[in-house]
Amino acid sequence: MFPSVGQYTIQYVTGYIDGNGNLVVTDSSDYTFNVDQCNLLITTGISWLDHVVWCFFGHGITVFVLLLMFMLILLLLRRRRR
């Protein structure tokens, strides 16, 4: 998780250490990306239930929402068997 909304850049360097202990750089690059705000659909006030699993079109799918969807699917499947 990133601490705040904004633009972040990850920089990396690949290479090796030669026989004298010097770093020899073979490639370097950076990757820039944006972190957008994810609005929660439902909040419970319990931190582990309000943990965002996916951000879907700016709306946060939390553990609580996933549990609700799982229970709804189970109820629908049970009803269909009868």
Protein backbone atom coordinates (compact mmCIF):
# COMPACT_ATOMS: atom_id res chain seq x y z
CA MET A 1 0.00 0.00 0.00
CA PHE A 2 1.14 3.50 -0.74
CA PRO A 3 0.88 6.18 1.95
CA SER A 4 -1.04 8.69 -0.15
CA VAL A 5 -2.58 9.45 -3.53
CA GLY A 6 -0.12 10.76 -6.10
CA GLN A 7 2.53 9.87 -8.63
CA TYR A 8 5.29 7.44 -7.71
CA THR A 9 8.47 6.45 -9.52
CA ILE A 10 10.29 3.17 -9.00
CA GLN A 11 13.93 3.21 -10.06
CA TYR A 12 16.00 0.09 -10.47
CA VAL A 13 19.53 -0.81 -11.46
CA THR A 14 20.82 -4.17 -12.62
CA GLY A 15 24.43 -5.21 -12.73
CA TYR A 16 27.09 -7.18 -10.97
CA ILE A 17 30.08 -6.75 -8.72
CA ASP A 18 33.39 -7.42 -10.44
CA GLY A 19 36.47 -9.08 -8.98
CA ASN A 20 37.69 -5.79 -7.45
CA GLY A 21 34.40 -5.20 -5.62
CA ASN A 22 33.19 -2.49 -7.99
CA LEU A 23 29.57 -2.31 -9.09
CA VAL A 24 29.22 -2.63 -12.86
CA VAL A 25 25.82 -1.32 -14.04
CA THR A 26 24.39 -3.20 -17.04
CA ASP A 27 20.94 -1.58 -17.15
CA SER A 28 18.94 1.03 -15.29
CA SER A 29 15.43 2.30 -15.74
CA ASP A 30 12.50 3.82 -13.92
CA TYR A 31 8.76 3.26 -13.97
CA THR A 32 6.27 6.01 -13.09
CA PHE A 33 2.66 5.31 -12.14
CA ASN A 34 -0.27 7.05 -10.48
CA VAL A 35 -1.99 5.98 -7.28
CA ASP A 36 -5.64 7.07 -7.28
CA GLN A 37 -8.02 7.38 -4.37
CA CYS A 38 -10.23 4.39 -3.78
CA ASN A 39 -13.59 5.24 -2.17
CA LEU A 40 -14.99 2.60 0.15
CA LEU A 41 -18.46 1.28 -0.67
CA ILE A 42 -19.21 0.21 2.91
CA THR A 43 -17.21 0.85 6.09
CA THR A 44 -17.54 -1.15 9.26
CA GLY A 45 -15.01 0.60 11.50
CA ILE A 46 -13.08 -2.66 11.91
CA SER A 47 -9.68 -2.26 10.28
CA TRP A 48 -9.25 -5.79 8.88
CA LEU A 49 -12.78 -5.79 7.42
CA ASP A 50 -12.23 -2.36 5.84
CA HIS A 51 -8.98 -3.44 4.16
CA VAL A 52 -9.23 -2.71 0.41
CA VAL A 53 -8.57 -5.81 -1.69
CA TRP A 54 -9.28 -4.29 -5.13
CA CYS A 55 -9.97 -0.83 -6.42
CA PHE A 56 -12.59 -1.16 -9.15
CA PHE A 57 -13.41 2.04 -11.08
CA GLY A 58 -12.48 4.18 -8.06
CA HIS A 59 -14.50 2.12 -5.56
CA GLY A 60 -12.80 -0.04 -2.97
CA ILE A 61 -13.82 -3.67 -2.72
CA THR A 62 -13.10 -4.53 0.90
CA VAL A 63 -12.88 -7.80 2.80
CA PHE A 64 -16.34 -7.07 4.20
CA VAL A 65 -17.86 -6.66 0.72
CA LEU A 66 -16.22 -9.91 -0.41
CA LEU A 67 -17.67 -11.73 2.61
CA LEU A 68 -21.13 -10.31 1.84
CA MET A 69 -20.89 -11.42 -1.78
CA PHE A 70 -19.73 -14.90 -0.74
CA MET A 71 -22.65 -15.29 1.69
CA LEU A 72 -25.13 -14.09 -0.96
CA ILE A 73 -23.82 -16.61 -3.49
CA LEU A 74 -24.05 -19.39 -0.91
CA LEU A 75 -27.65 -18.46 -0.10
CA LEU A 76 -28.58 -18.36 -3.78
CA LEU A 77 -26.98 -21.74 -4.41
CA ARG A 78 -28.77 -23.29 -1.41
CA ARG A 79 -32.09 -21.89 -2.58
CA ARG A 80 -31.57 -23.25 -6.08
CA ARG A 81 -30.99 -26.82 -4.79
CA ARG A 82 -34.38 -27.02 -3.12
